[in-house]
C-alpha atoms as a PDB file:
ATOM      1  CA  MET A   1    -206.984 179.504-148.651  1.00  0.00           C
ATOM      2  CA  ASP A   2    -207.861 181.218-152.098  1.00  0.00           C
ATOM      3  CA  SER A   3    -204.658 183.337-151.993  1.00  0.00           C
ATOM      4  CA  GLU A   4    -202.825 180.203-151.908  1.00  0.00           C
ATOM      5  CA  VAL A   5    -204.410 178.602-154.689  1.00  0.00           C
ATOM      6  CA  ASN A   6    -204.005 181.477-156.975  1.00  0.00           C
ATOM      7  CA  SER A   7    -200.418 181.623-156.033  1.00  0.00           C
ATOM      8  CA  GLN A   8    -199.880 178.089-157.065  1.00  0.00           C
ATOM      9  CA  ALA A   9    -201.761 178.716-160.351  1.00  0.00           C
ATOM     10  CA  ALA A  10    -199.536 181.486-161.031  1.00  0.00           C
ATOM     11  CA  ASN A  11    -196.511 179.413-160.347  1.00  0.00           C
ATOM     12  CA  VAL A  12    -197.924 176.728-162.692  1.00  0.00           C
ATOM     13  CA  VAL A  13    -198.501 178.953-165.831  1.00  0.00           C
ATOM     14  CA  PRO A  14    -194.601 180.488-166.284  1.00  0.00           C
ATOM     15  CA  GLU A  15    -193.450 176.471-165.899  1.00  0.00           C
ATOM     16  CA  ALA A  16    -195.774 175.388-168.731  1.00  0.00           C
ATOM     17  CA  ARG A  17    -194.848 178.037-171.017  1.00  0.00           C
ATOM     18  CA  GLU A  18    -191.128 177.182-170.117  1.00  0.00           C
ATOM     19  CA  GLU A  19    -191.767 173.782-170.993  1.00  0.00           C
ATOM     20  CA  GLY A  20    -193.331 174.622-174.462  1.00  0.00           C
ATOM     21  CA  GLU A  21    -190.303 176.769-175.584  1.00  0.00           C
ATOM     22  CA  VAL A  22    -187.912 173.689-175.687  1.00  0.00           C
ATOM     23  CA  PRO A  23    -189.601 171.962-178.451  1.00  0.00           C
ATOM     24  CA  SER A  24    -190.044 175.335-180.430  1.00  0.00           C
ATOM     25  CA  SER A  25    -186.203 176.026-179.949  1.00  0.00           C
ATOM     26  CA  ARG A  26    -185.364 172.452-181.204  1.00  0.00           C
ATOM     27  CA  TRP A  27    -187.577 172.660-184.173  1.00  0.00           C
ATOM     28  CA  SER A  28    -185.803 176.104-184.805  1.00  0.00           C
ATOM     29  CA  SER A  29    -182.586 174.565-184.786  1.00  0.00           C
ATOM     30  CA  LEU A  30    -183.479 171.446-186.970  1.00  0.00           C
ATOM     31  CA  ARG A  31    -184.963 173.875-189.618  1.00  0.00           C
ATOM     32  CA  ARG A  32    -181.530 175.695-189.501  1.00  0.00           C
ATOM     33  CA  THR A  33    -179.924 172.258-189.873  1.00  0.00           C
ATOM     34  CA  LEU A  34    -181.955 171.346-192.681  1.00  0.00           C
ATOM     35  CA  ARG A  35    -181.360 174.366-194.633  1.00  0.00           C
ATOM     36  CA  THR A  36    -177.627 174.258-194.390  1.00  0.00           C
ATOM     37  CA  ARG A  37    -177.624 170.593-195.410  1.00  0.00           C
ATOM     38  CA  ARG A  38    -180.050 171.166-198.224  1.00  0.00           C
ATOM     39  CA  ARG A  39    -177.610 174.368-199.362  1.00  0.00           C
ATOM     40  CA  GLN A  40    -174.907 172.088-199.061  1.00  0.00           C
ATOM     41  CA  ILE A  41    -176.475 169.119-201.386  1.00  0.00           C
ATOM     42  CA  VAL A  42    -177.043 171.998-203.849  1.00  0.00           C
ATOM     43  CA  LEU A  43    -173.535 173.177-204.096  1.00  0.00           C
ATOM     44  CA  ALA A  44    -172.383 169.653-204.179  1.00  0.00           C
ATOM     45  CA  VAL A  45    -174.611 168.789-207.296  1.00  0.00           C
ATOM     46  CA  LEU A  46    -173.898 172.183-209.040  1.00  0.00           C
ATOM     47  CA  GLY A  47    -170.113 171.412-208.337  1.00  0.00           C
ATOM     48  CA  LEU A  48    -170.467 168.009-210.055  1.00  0.00           C
ATOM     49  CA  LEU A  49    -172.185 169.665-212.838  1.00  0.00           C
ATOM     50  CA  VAL A  50    -169.595 172.327-213.480  1.00  0.00           C
ATOM     51  CA  LEU A  51    -166.334 170.077-212.895  1.00  0.00           C
ATOM     52  CA  PRO A  52    -166.581 168.314-216.461  1.00  0.00           C
ATOM     53  CA  TYR A  53    -166.540 171.977-217.926  1.00  0.00           C
ATOM     54  CA  ALA A  54    -163.769 173.219-215.973  1.00  0.00           C
ATOM     55  CA  LEU A  55    -161.725 169.907-216.898  1.00  0.00           C
ATOM     56  CA  ILE A  56    -162.457 170.366-220.610  1.00  0.00           C
ATOM     57  CA  VAL A  57    -160.571 173.942-219.936  1.00  0.00           C
ATOM     58  CA  LEU A  58    -157.786 172.132-218.141  1.00  0.00           C
ATOM     59  CA  TYR A  59    -157.448 169.375-220.840  1.00  0.00           C
ATOM     60  CA  LEU A  60    -156.203 171.915-223.263  1.00  0.00           C
ATOM     61  CA  VAL A  61    -152.693 171.616-221.979  1.00  0.00           C
ATOM     62  CA  GLU A  62    -151.085 168.926-223.705  1.00  0.00           C
ATOM     63  CA  PHE A  63    -148.803 167.335-221.527  1.00  0.00           C
ATOM     64  CA  ILE A  64    -152.258 166.556-218.919  1.00  0.00           C
ATOM     65  CA  HIS A  65    -152.913 163.040-219.984  1.00  0.00           C
ATOM     66  CA  PRO A  66    -156.946 162.577-218.696  1.00  0.00           C
ATOM     67  CA  VAL A  67    -158.308 159.149-217.457  1.00  0.00           C
ATOM     68  CA  SER A  68    -161.789 158.003-218.421  1.00  0.00           C
ATOM     69  CA  THR A  69    -164.352 156.679-215.606  1.00  0.00           C
ATOM     70  CA  LEU A  70    -164.111 153.038-216.634  1.00  0.00           C
ATOM     71  CA  MET A  71    -160.002 153.724-215.961  1.00  0.00           C
ATOM     72  CA  LEU A  72    -161.050 155.175-212.521  1.00  0.00           C
ATOM     73  CA  ARG A  73    -163.659 152.301-211.877  1.00  0.00           C
ATOM     74  CA  ASP A  74    -160.832 149.633-212.559  1.00  0.00           C
ATOM     75  CA  LEU A  75    -158.199 151.494-210.088  1.00  0.00           C
ATOM     76  CA  VAL A  76    -161.304 151.681-207.174  1.00  0.00           C
ATOM     77  CA  LEU A  77    -161.823 147.909-208.062  1.00  0.00           C
ATOM     78  CA  LEU A  78    -158.095 147.352-207.506  1.00  0.00           C
ATOM     79  CA  ARG A  79    -158.019 145.829-210.815  1.00  0.00           C
ATOM     80  CA  GLY A  80    -155.595 147.678-212.746  1.00  0.00           C
ATOM     81  CA  TYR A  81    -155.360 148.582-216.268  1.00  0.00           C
ATOM     82  CA  ASP A  82    -152.840 149.061-219.121  1.00  0.00           C
ATOM     83  CA  ARG A  83    -152.580 152.136-221.022  1.00  0.00           C
ATOM     84  CA  GLN A  84    -149.450 153.905-222.425  1.00  0.00           C
ATOM     85  CA  TRP A  85    -150.329 157.540-223.484  1.00  0.00           C
ATOM     86  CA  VAL A  86    -149.396 158.222-227.124  1.00  0.00           C
ATOM     87  CA  GLU A  87    -148.882 161.680-229.014  1.00  0.00           C
ATOM     88  CA  PHE A  88    -151.171 162.077-232.028  1.00  0.00           C
ATOM     89  CA  ASP A  89    -148.376 162.113-234.515  1.00  0.00           C
ATOM     90  CA  ASP A  90    -147.222 158.994-233.138  1.00  0.00           C
ATOM     91  CA  ILE A  91    -150.613 156.956-234.218  1.00  0.00           C
ATOM     92  CA  ALA A  92    -150.516 155.675-237.585  1.00  0.00           C
ATOM     93  CA  PRO A  93    -152.689 157.631-240.010  1.00  0.00           C
ATOM     94  CA  VAL A  94    -154.654 154.489-241.417  1.00  0.00           C
ATOM     95  CA  LEU A  95    -155.691 154.007-237.832  1.00  0.00           C
ATOM     96  CA  VAL A  96    -157.214 157.697-237.480  1.00  0.00           C
ATOM     97  CA  GLN A  97    -158.729 157.331-240.984  1.00  0.00           C
ATOM     98  CA  SER A  98    -160.170 153.893-240.068  1.00  0.00           C
ATOM     99  CA  VAL A  99    -161.671 155.129-236.847  1.00  0.00           C
ATOM    100  CA  MET A 100    -163.171 158.017-238.481  1.00  0.00           C
ATOM    101  CA  MET A 101    -164.980 156.294-241.338  1.00  0.00           C
ATOM    102  CA  SER A 102    -166.055 153.661-238.652  1.00  0.00           C
ATOM    103  CA  GLU A 103    -167.248 156.066-235.741  1.00  0.00           C
ATOM    104  CA  ASP A 104    -167.743 159.312-237.231  1.00  0.00           C
ATOM    105  CA  GLY A 105    -167.338 160.208-240.983  1.00  0.00           C
ATOM    106  CA  GLN A 106    -168.227 163.914-240.429  1.00  0.00           C
ATOM    107  CA  PHE A 107    -165.907 164.410-237.552  1.00  0.00           C
ATOM    108  CA  CYS A 108    -164.402 167.332-239.369  1.00  0.00           C
ATOM    109  CA  ALA A 109    -167.573 169.056-240.291  1.00  0.00           C
ATOM    110  CA  HIS A 110    -169.881 169.128-237.270  1.00  0.00           C
ATOM    111  CA  ASP A 111    -169.572 170.726-234.031  1.00  0.00           C
ATOM    112  CA  GLY A 112    -169.476 168.036-231.593  1.00  0.00           C
ATOM    113  CA  VAL A 113    -172.821 166.840-232.485  1.00  0.00           C
ATOM    114  CA  ASP A 114    -174.256 165.374-236.037  1.00  0.00           C
ATOM    115  CA  TRP A 115    -177.665 167.115-235.645  1.00  0.00           C
ATOM    116  CA  GLY A 116    -179.077 165.676-238.908  1.00  0.00           C
ATOM    117  CA  GLN A 117    -178.421 162.368-237.453  1.00  0.00           C
ATOM    118  CA  MET A 118    -179.938 163.024-234.205  1.00  0.00           C
ATOM    119  CA  ARG A 119    -182.936 164.181-235.587  1.00  0.00           C
ATOM    120  CA  GLY A 120    -183.497 161.324-237.712  1.00  0.00           C
ATOM    121  CA  VAL A 121    -182.989 158.883-234.459  1.00  0.00           C
ATOM    122  CA  VAL A 122    -185.303 161.346-232.229  1.00  0.00           C
ATOM    123  CA  GLU A 123    -187.979 160.705-235.198  1.00  0.00           C
ATOM    124  CA  ASP A 124    -187.585 157.072-235.187  1.00  0.00           C
ATOM    125  CA  ALA A 125    -188.246 156.960-231.434  1.00  0.00           C
ATOM    126  CA  LEU A 126    -191.263 159.038-231.752  1.00  0.00           C
ATOM    127  CA  GLU A 127    -192.497 156.873-234.170  1.00  0.00           C
ATOM    128  CA  GLY A 128    -191.844 153.640-232.169  1.00  0.00           C
ATOM    129  CA  GLU A 129    -189.197 152.521-234.485  1.00  0.00           C
ATOM    130  CA  SER A 130    -185.862 150.839-233.408  1.00  0.00           C
ATOM    131  CA  THR A 131    -182.895 153.911-233.091  1.00  0.00           C
ATOM    132  CA  ARG A 132    -179.635 153.820-234.896  1.00  0.00           C
ATOM    133  CA  GLY A 133    -176.647 154.882-233.134  1.00  0.00           C
ATOM    134  CA  ALA A 134    -175.798 158.899-233.611  1.00  0.00           C
ATOM    135  CA  SER A 135    -173.010 159.192-231.350  1.00  0.00           C
ATOM    136  CA  THR A 136    -170.138 161.323-232.733  1.00  0.00           C
ATOM    137  CA  ILE A 137    -166.414 161.162-231.729  1.00  0.00           C
ATOM    138  CA  PRO A 138    -166.982 164.207-229.312  1.00  0.00           C
ATOM    139  CA  MET A 139    -169.972 162.733-227.911  1.00  0.00           C
ATOM    140  CA  GLN A 140    -167.976 159.257-227.071  1.00  0.00           C
ATOM    141  CA  THR A 141    -165.156 161.185-225.493  1.00  0.00           C
ATOM    142  CA  VAL A 142    -167.083 163.291-223.153  1.00  0.00           C
ATOM    143  CA  LYS A 143    -169.096 160.279-222.085  1.00  0.00           C
ATOM    144  CA  ASN A 144    -165.624 158.317-221.370  1.00  0.00           C
ATOM    145  CA  LEU A 145    -164.182 161.053-219.637  1.00  0.00           C
ATOM    146  CA  TYR A 146    -167.203 162.231-217.631  1.00  0.00           C
ATOM    147  CA  LEU A 147    -170.136 159.838-217.707  1.00  0.00           C
ATOM    148  CA  TRP A 148    -171.362 156.502-217.859  1.00  0.00           C
ATOM    149  CA  ASN A 149    -172.194 153.640-219.935  1.00  0.00           C
ATOM    150  CA  GLY A 150    -175.476 152.378-220.620  1.00  0.00           C
ATOM    151  CA  ARG A 151    -178.447 154.385-222.280  1.00  0.00           C
ATOM    152  CA  SER A 152    -180.674 156.731-220.658  1.00  0.00           C
ATOM    153  CA  PHE A 153    -181.968 160.334-221.706  1.00  0.00           C
ATOM    154  CA  LEU A 154    -180.233 161.742-218.660  1.00  0.00           C
ATOM    155  CA  ARG A 155    -176.739 160.634-219.833  1.00  0.00           C
ATOM    156  CA  LYS A 156    -177.744 161.845-223.298  1.00  0.00           C
ATOM    157  CA  GLY A 157    -179.086 165.216-222.161  1.00  0.00           C
ATOM    158  CA  MET A 158    -175.688 165.740-220.164  1.00  0.00           C
ATOM    159  CA  GLU A 159    -173.552 164.309-222.870  1.00  0.00           C
ATOM    160  CA  LEU A 160    -174.762 166.694-225.944  1.00  0.00           C
ATOM    161  CA  PRO A 161    -173.752 170.275-224.218  1.00  0.00           C
ATOM    162  CA  LEU A 162    -170.449 168.676-223.060  1.00  0.00           C
ATOM    163  CA  ALA A 163    -169.621 167.350-226.644  1.00  0.00           C
ATOM    164  CA  VAL A 164    -170.520 170.902-228.100  1.00  0.00           C
ATOM    165  CA  ALA A 165    -168.316 172.460-225.196  1.00  0.00           C
ATOM    166  CA  ALA A 166    -165.432 170.295-226.008  1.00  0.00           C
ATOM    167  CA  ASP A 167    -165.466 170.462-229.669  1.00  0.00           C
ATOM    168  CA  PHE A 168    -165.420 174.544-229.155  1.00  0.00           C
ATOM    169  CA  VAL A 169    -162.431 174.670-227.063  1.00  0.00           C
ATOM    170  CA  TRP A 170    -160.555 171.953-228.070  1.00  0.00           C
ATOM    171  CA  SER A 171    -158.949 171.277-231.493  1.00  0.00           C
ATOM    172  CA  LYS A 172    -159.989 168.425-233.548  1.00  0.00           C
ATOM    173  CA  ARG A 173    -156.439 166.941-233.304  1.00  0.00           C
ATOM    174  CA  ARG A 174    -156.381 167.186-229.359  1.00  0.00           C
ATOM    175  CA  MET A 175    -160.235 165.623-229.338  1.00  0.00           C
ATOM    176  CA  MET A 176    -158.882 162.632-231.633  1.00  0.00           C
ATOM    177  CA  GLU A 177    -155.681 162.359-229.453  1.00  0.00           C
ATOM    178  CA  ILE A 178    -157.875 162.184-226.377  1.00  0.00           C
ATOM    179  CA  TYR A 179    -160.169 159.880-227.597  1.00  0.00           C
ATOM    180  CA  LEU A 180    -157.772 157.428-229.023  1.00  0.00           C
ATOM    181  CA  ASN A 181    -155.817 157.528-225.631  1.00  0.00           C
ATOM    182  CA  ILE A 182    -158.938 156.298-223.407  1.00  0.00           C
ATOM    183  CA  ALA A 183    -161.103 154.259-225.680  1.00  0.00           C
ATOM    184  CA  GLU A 184    -161.545 150.809-224.552  1.00  0.00           C
ATOM    185  CA  TRP A 185    -160.131 147.782-226.482  1.00  0.00           C
ATOM    186  CA  GLY A 186    -160.516 145.077-224.195  1.00  0.00           C
ATOM    187  CA  ASP A 187    -160.798 144.101-220.694  1.00  0.00           C
ATOM    188  CA  GLY A 188    -158.547 146.641-218.826  1.00  0.00           C
ATOM    189  CA  ILE A 189    -156.770 147.536-222.465  1.00  0.00           C
ATOM    190  CA  TYR A 190    -157.454 151.353-222.772  1.00  0.00           C
ATOM    191  CA  GLY A 191    -155.866 153.694-225.744  1.00  0.00           C
ATOM    192  CA  ILE A 192    -154.545 152.830-229.334  1.00  0.00           C
ATOM    193  CA  GLU A 193    -150.986 151.924-228.105  1.00  0.00           C
ATOM    194  CA  ALA A 194    -151.911 149.252-225.374  1.00  0.00           C
ATOM    195  CA  ALA A 195    -154.462 148.217-227.896  1.00  0.00           C
ATOM    196  CA  ALA A 196    -152.111 147.593-230.725  1.00  0.00           C
ATOM    197  CA  ARG A 197    -149.255 146.085-228.078  1.00  0.00           C
ATOM    198  CA  HIS A 198    -152.061 143.625-227.115  1.00  0.00           C
ATOM    199  CA  HIS A 199    -153.578 142.580-230.273  1.00  0.00           C
ATOM    200  CA  PHE A 200    -150.871 142.730-232.668  1.00  0.00           C
ATOM    201  CA  GLY A 201    -147.492 142.835-230.732  1.00  0.00           C
ATOM    202  CA  ILE A 202    -146.488 146.344-232.177  1.00  0.00           C
ATOM    203  CA  SER A 203    -146.635 150.251-231.587  1.00  0.00           C
ATOM    204  CA  ALA A 204    -149.757 152.115-232.634  1.00  0.00           C
ATOM    205  CA  SER A 205    -147.299 153.856-234.989  1.00  0.00           C
ATOM    206  CA  LYS A 206    -146.576 150.748-237.071  1.00  0.00           C
ATOM    207  CA  LEU A 207    -150.357 149.367-237.528  1.00  0.00           C
ATOM    208  CA  SER A 208    -151.248 148.240-240.892  1.00  0.00           C
ATOM    209  CA  ARG A 209    -154.261 149.227-242.821  1.00  0.00           C
ATOM    210  CA  ARG A 210    -155.812 145.980-242.139  1.00  0.00           C
ATOM    211  CA  GLN A 211    -155.029 146.014-238.438  1.00  0.00           C
ATOM    212  CA  ALA A 212    -156.394 149.611-238.453  1.00  0.00           C
ATOM    213  CA  ALA A 213    -159.450 148.455-239.712  1.00  0.00           C
ATOM    214  CA  LEU A 214    -159.900 145.589-237.416  1.00  0.00           C
ATOM    215  CA  LEU A 215    -159.231 147.982-234.407  1.00  0.00           C
ATOM    216  CA  ALA A 216    -161.513 150.527-235.372  1.00  0.00           C
ATOM    217  CA  VAL A 217    -164.418 147.944-236.124  1.00  0.00           C
ATOM    218  CA  SER A 218    -164.134 146.509-232.431  1.00  0.00           C
ATOM    219  CA  LEU A 219    -164.639 149.942-230.852  1.00  0.00           C
ATOM    220  CA  PRO A 220    -168.468 149.256-230.420  1.00  0.00           C
ATOM    221  CA  ASN A 221    -168.025 146.260-228.383  1.00  0.00           C
ATOM    222  CA  PRO A 222    -164.350 145.507-227.622  1.00  0.00           C
ATOM    223  CA  LYS A 223    -165.260 142.943-225.053  1.00  0.00           C
ATOM    224  CA  GLU A 224    -167.110 140.567-227.551  1.00  0.00           C
ATOM    225  CA  ARG A 225    -164.972 141.689-230.614  1.00  0.00           C
ATOM    226  CA  ASN A 226    -161.390 140.573-230.677  1.00  0.00           C
ATOM    227  CA  ALA A 227    -159.565 142.704-233.116  1.00  0.00           C
ATOM    228  CA  GLY A 228    -156.635 140.223-232.776  1.00  0.00           C
ATOM    229  CA  LYS A 229    -158.904 136.926-233.101  1.00  0.00           C
ATOM    230  CA  PRO A 230    -161.760 138.299-235.949  1.00  0.00           C
ATOM    231  CA  GLY A 231    -164.472 136.273-236.422  1.00  0.00           C
ATOM    232  CA  ARG A 232    -166.019 136.040-239.954  1.00  0.00           C
ATOM    233  CA  GLY A 233    -168.266 138.953-239.341  1.00  0.00           C
ATOM    234  CA  LEU A 234    -165.815 141.259-237.983  1.00  0.00           C
ATOM    235  CA  LYS A 235    -163.692 140.302-240.925  1.00  0.00           C
ATOM    236  CA  ARG A 236    -166.319 141.797-243.076  1.00  0.00           C
ATOM    237  CA  LEU A 237    -166.465 145.091-241.339  1.00  0.00           C
ATOM    238  CA  ALA A 238    -162.979 145.534-241.185  1.00  0.00           C
ATOM    239  CA  ASN A 239    -163.263 144.796-245.287  1.00  0.00           C
ATOM    240  CA  LEU A 240    -165.711 147.775-245.427  1.00  0.00           C
ATOM    241  CA  ILE A 241    -163.936 150.224-243.411  1.00  0.00           C
ATOM    242  CA  GLU A 242    -160.439 149.437-245.016  1.00  0.00           C
ATOM    243  CA  ARG A 243    -162.033 150.513-248.567  1.00  0.00           C
ATOM    244  CA  ARG A 244    -163.633 153.510-246.747  1.00  0.00           C
ATOM    245  CA  ALA A 245    -160.356 154.602-245.180  1.00  0.00           C
ATOM    246  CA  SER A 246    -158.418 154.150-248.556  1.00  0.00           C
ATOM    247  CA  ARG A 247    -160.777 156.946-249.923  1.00  0.00           C
ATOM    248  CA  SER A 248    -160.807 159.282-246.827  1.00  0.00           C
ATOM    249  CA  GLY A 249    -158.708 161.926-247.970  1.00  0.00           C
ATOM    250  CA  GLY A 250    -161.177 164.609-248.464  1.00  0.00           C
ATOM    251  CA  TYR A 251    -162.690 163.539-244.925  1.00  0.00           C
ATOM    252  CA  ILE A 252    -159.805 163.950-242.879  1.00  0.00           C
ATOM    253  CA  THR A 253    -158.537 167.648-243.774  1.00  0.00           C
ATOM    254  CA  CYS A 254    -159.070 169.127-240.066  1.00  0.00           C
ATOM    255  CA  LEU A 255    -156.542 166.686-238.725  1.00  0.00           C
ATOM    256  CA  TYR A 256    -154.015 166.215-241.700  1.00  0.00           C
ATOM    257  CA  ASN A 257    -153.032 169.336-243.420  1.00  0.00           C
END
């Protein structure tokens, strides 16, 4: 009798061990799966971070016409958009001068970021004061190409090194050409050629100094600032930029030799 009990007990132990091995193997498989997924996520994030820098190099090729994140959004939402790429030499110099004087007067002097202006913004923020804009044309260009609208420290932290890299890789003329061909000038209106035709019915090469100034001052808020139908405030800003553009010869040497 005792021998039968011992025999049954001996048979029970191995069965208990075998049952315990199943969840252990499942746990090991789950851990391997989690490690694989984590590795895949890390690689995907690193790829997204590196991709803009690779595109900066790719966009050195002049026949490549980049599109902005806003254009891609319009495509995804099936809205469509209007953009006709135009070469830098086919843009009226008065437009280039006006945009520089309105958006980034030190464009030819800095390396992508105006560190003096940026330092002032940081100091104002630390003192609790309202901050003024310090975005340069390279910063706005990389934001339009790779990032998103809206203020955040994350976006600004990504924007600064991208602006420096783009300014280092591209010539100033290529930078300005890309910027003027992806800037938004109205709902679904991108690039200076589409903007000139939409607001004034002419090509970008034929813009007058007044028209160029109106387009330049509408850039910060193109949905509310209509260059073709300017209000009193927009006209005052355009008058200021028009005067600055007429005296900008010493500031645009990196674009026009």
